[in-house]
Amino acid sequence: ADVLFGDVNPSGRLPVSFPRSLDDLPPYEDYSMTNRTYRYMEAEPLFPFGFGLAYTRYQYHSVTLTADRDKAIVEVENTGDRDGVEIIQVYARAIGSEFPAPKQALVGFQRIALAPGEKKAVEVALNPHAFTLIDAEGKRREHTGNWEIIAGGACPIPRSEQLGAPAPVMCRVEFPPR
């Protein structure tokens, strides 16, 4: 009741994507990852992974990586008029991989409290496997080359913004660093 009446500002996020139709999902007997999870789904979901609503607004200004590539530094601001808790989500996307690569993969997240008008640069620890992919034999391999690092408040797809999530920010990096 406190959330419905606006006494508490919600900050929960969806742990799965909700498809628009069961026809968007592959047959149950198909064990490939094609069209499964936010990482491989081709169809636009009704509600995407990581999406959530709040009674305030956030704006993402930038994302960069630390020199050793184990943390993302994300600058985010509460542009609304209420205190809020934002869940910063950092995703990685391999560019030009020789292995099948997900469209995006969550590699880190951080929950932060922001007062109205407050802006913070937040360090988000990245998963140690952030710059790896799974090859055809099922082995984890480093993807050497270009990566996109995307930070935002939901899965970085157009549907998230259509529903009201803040626009994500992105940077490109080369791994391993030179």
Protein backbone atom coordinates (compact mmCIF):
# COMPACT_ATOMS: atom_id res chain seq x y z
CA ALA A 1 0.00 0.00 0.00
CA ASP A 2 2.90 2.37 0.77
CA VAL A 3 4.20 1.97 -2.79
CA LEU A 4 0.75 2.43 -4.36
CA PHE A 5 0.11 5.62 -2.38
CA GLY A 6 3.59 7.01 -3.12
CA ASP A 7 4.89 6.84 0.45
CA VAL A 8 7.73 4.51 -0.61
CA ASN A 9 9.69 4.91 -3.83
CA PRO A 10 10.06 1.44 -5.49
CA SER A 11 13.39 0.30 -6.89
CA GLY A 12 12.87 -3.37 -7.78
CA ARG A 13 13.88 -4.71 -11.19
CA LEU A 14 12.61 -7.61 -13.29
CA PRO A 15 14.81 -10.74 -13.10
CA VAL A 16 13.51 -12.04 -16.46
CA SER A 17 12.12 -10.71 -19.75
CA PHE A 18 8.41 -11.15 -20.40
CA PRO A 19 7.72 -12.01 -24.06
CA ARG A 20 4.79 -10.41 -25.86
CA SER A 21 3.57 -13.83 -26.98
CA LEU A 22 4.39 -17.48 -26.44
CA ASP A 23 4.98 -17.57 -30.20
CA ASP A 24 8.14 -15.49 -29.53
CA LEU A 25 9.68 -18.38 -27.59
CA PRO A 26 11.40 -21.36 -29.22
CA PRO A 27 9.89 -24.86 -28.93
CA TYR A 28 10.38 -26.49 -25.56
CA GLU A 29 12.38 -29.30 -27.17
CA ASP A 30 14.87 -26.81 -28.70
CA TYR A 31 17.82 -26.53 -26.30
CA SER A 32 19.69 -23.78 -28.14
CA MET A 33 19.85 -20.32 -26.57
CA THR A 34 18.34 -18.66 -29.64
CA ASN A 35 15.43 -16.44 -28.53
CA ARG A 36 15.96 -17.36 -24.88
CA THR A 37 16.75 -14.84 -22.12
CA TYR A 38 17.49 -11.15 -22.58
CA ARG A 39 20.91 -12.14 -23.89
CA TYR A 40 19.71 -13.87 -27.07
CA MET A 41 16.10 -12.80 -27.62
CA GLU A 42 15.36 -11.48 -31.11
CA ALA A 43 11.73 -10.45 -30.56
CA GLU A 44 11.00 -7.28 -28.63
CA PRO A 45 9.76 -8.24 -25.15
CA LEU A 46 6.68 -6.83 -23.49
CA PHE A 47 8.77 -6.05 -20.37
CA PRO A 48 12.57 -6.39 -20.58
CA PHE A 49 15.02 -7.87 -18.10
CA GLY A 50 16.21 -5.33 -15.52
CA PHE A 51 13.28 -2.94 -16.01
CA GLY A 52 11.53 -1.31 -13.08
CA LEU A 53 9.54 1.81 -12.23
CA ALA A 54 10.15 4.54 -9.67
CA TYR A 55 8.55 7.81 -8.58
CA THR A 56 11.62 9.78 -9.61
CA ARG A 57 13.74 10.08 -12.77
CA TYR A 58 17.41 9.33 -13.40
CA GLN A 59 19.83 10.45 -16.08
CA TYR A 60 23.02 8.64 -17.02
CA HIS A 61 25.87 10.92 -18.10
CA SER A 62 28.87 8.68 -18.81
CA VAL A 63 30.52 5.29 -18.41
CA THR A 64 34.25 4.58 -18.48
CA LEU A 65 36.43 1.70 -17.34
CA THR A 66 39.28 1.74 -14.86
CA ALA A 67 42.76 1.10 -16.26
CA ASP A 68 42.70 -2.58 -15.24
CA ARG A 69 39.18 -3.05 -16.71
CA ASP A 70 37.73 -4.58 -13.54
CA LYS A 71 35.37 -1.69 -12.72
CA ALA A 72 33.09 0.64 -14.64
CA ILE A 73 32.76 4.23 -13.47
CA VAL A 74 29.20 5.37 -14.11
CA GLU A 75 27.98 8.93 -13.62
CA VAL A 76 24.27 9.05 -12.77
CA GLU A 77 21.96 11.81 -11.54
CA ASN A 78 18.56 11.88 -9.84
CA THR A 79 16.72 14.47 -11.97
CA GLY A 80 13.42 14.00 -10.12
CA ASP A 81 12.05 15.67 -7.02
CA ARG A 82 12.09 12.64 -4.69
CA ASP A 83 14.75 10.55 -2.96
CA GLY A 84 15.35 7.34 -4.84
CA VAL A 85 17.38 4.16 -5.07
CA GLU A 86 18.69 3.33 -8.54
CA ILE A 87 20.14 0.02 -9.65
CA ILE A 88 22.95 0.84 -12.07
CA GLN A 89 23.29 -2.01 -14.58
CA VAL A 90 26.43 -2.48 -16.69
CA TYR A 91 26.27 -4.63 -19.81
CA ALA A 92 28.99 -5.80 -22.22
CA ARG A 93 28.61 -6.54 -25.93
CA ALA A 94 31.38 -8.14 -28.02
CA ILE A 95 31.93 -6.52 -31.41
CA GLY A 96 32.94 -8.78 -34.30
CA SER A 97 33.42 -11.97 -32.30
CA GLU A 98 34.53 -15.22 -33.89
CA PHE A 99 32.33 -17.05 -31.33
CA PRO A 100 28.56 -16.77 -30.99
CA ALA A 101 28.06 -13.74 -28.74
CA PRO A 102 25.05 -12.59 -26.75
CA LYS A 103 23.38 -9.34 -27.81
CA GLN A 104 24.32 -8.02 -24.37
CA ALA A 105 25.33 -9.56 -21.04
CA LEU A 106 24.95 -8.11 -17.56
CA VAL A 107 28.48 -7.89 -16.16
CA GLY A 108 27.91 -5.75 -13.06
CA PHE A 109 25.36 -3.82 -11.06
CA GLN A 110 25.30 -1.48 -8.08
CA ARG A 111 22.45 -0.16 -5.94
CA ILE A 112 22.81 3.51 -4.93
CA ALA A 113 20.67 6.06 -3.10
CA LEU A 114 20.38 9.53 -4.61
CA ALA A 115 18.69 12.64 -3.27
CA PRO A 116 16.82 14.93 -5.69
CA GLY A 117 19.35 16.70 -7.94
CA GLU A 118 22.25 14.62 -6.63
CA LYS A 119 24.84 13.37 -9.14
CA LYS A 120 27.40 10.63 -8.35
CA ALA A 121 30.22 8.86 -10.10
CA VAL A 122 29.88 5.24 -8.95
CA GLU A 123 32.37 2.39 -9.33
CA VAL A 124 30.65 -0.82 -10.38
CA ALA A 125 32.68 -4.03 -10.03
CA LEU A 126 32.62 -6.14 -13.19
CA ASN A 127 32.25 -9.90 -13.33
CA PRO A 128 35.69 -11.53 -13.80
CA HIS A 129 34.30 -13.18 -16.97
CA ALA A 130 33.06 -9.87 -18.42
CA PHE A 131 35.33 -10.05 -21.47
CA THR A 132 34.87 -13.75 -22.25
CA LEU A 133 32.57 -15.75 -24.51
CA ILE A 134 31.70 -19.43 -24.80
CA ASP A 135 33.05 -21.13 -27.92
CA ALA A 136 31.39 -23.93 -29.95
CA GLU A 137 32.93 -26.59 -27.66
CA GLY A 138 31.48 -24.93 -24.56
CA LYS A 139 34.80 -23.50 -23.35
CA ARG A 140 35.18 -19.99 -22.00
CA ARG A 141 37.50 -17.88 -24.17
CA GLU A 142 38.65 -14.28 -23.99
CA HIS A 143 37.34 -12.18 -26.85
CA THR A 144 40.25 -10.03 -27.86
CA GLY A 145 39.02 -7.01 -29.72
CA ASN A 146 36.38 -4.35 -29.33
CA TRP A 147 33.64 -4.31 -26.71
CA GLU A 148 30.78 -1.95 -26.02
CA ILE A 149 30.19 -1.23 -22.33
CA ILE A 150 26.67 0.05 -21.70
CA ALA A 151 25.34 1.44 -18.41
CA GLY A 152 21.73 2.21 -17.61
CA GLY A 153 18.71 1.41 -15.50
CA ALA A 154 17.46 -1.56 -17.59
CA CYS A 155 18.47 -3.91 -20.41
CA PRO A 156 19.87 -1.67 -23.18
CA ILE A 157 17.18 -2.20 -25.80
CA PRO A 158 14.74 0.35 -27.26
CA ARG A 159 11.76 -1.19 -25.41
CA SER A 160 13.27 -0.19 -22.04
CA GLU A 161 13.28 3.49 -23.01
CA GLN A 162 9.76 3.21 -24.50
CA LEU A 163 8.58 2.07 -21.06
CA GLY A 164 10.32 4.98 -19.30
CA ALA A 165 13.82 3.77 -18.41
CA PRO A 166 16.55 6.41 -18.71
CA ALA A 167 18.65 6.42 -21.89
CA PRO A 168 21.77 4.28 -21.42
CA VAL A 169 25.31 5.51 -21.97
CA MET A 170 28.03 3.60 -23.80
CA CYS A 171 31.77 3.51 -24.36
CA ARG A 172 33.91 1.30 -26.57
CA VAL A 173 36.99 -0.41 -25.25
CA GLU A 174 39.59 -2.78 -26.58
CA PHE A 175 40.42 -5.92 -24.61
CA PRO A 176 43.01 -6.63 -23.57
CA PRO A 177 44.10 -2.99 -23.10
CA ARG A 178 47.16 -1.92 -25.08
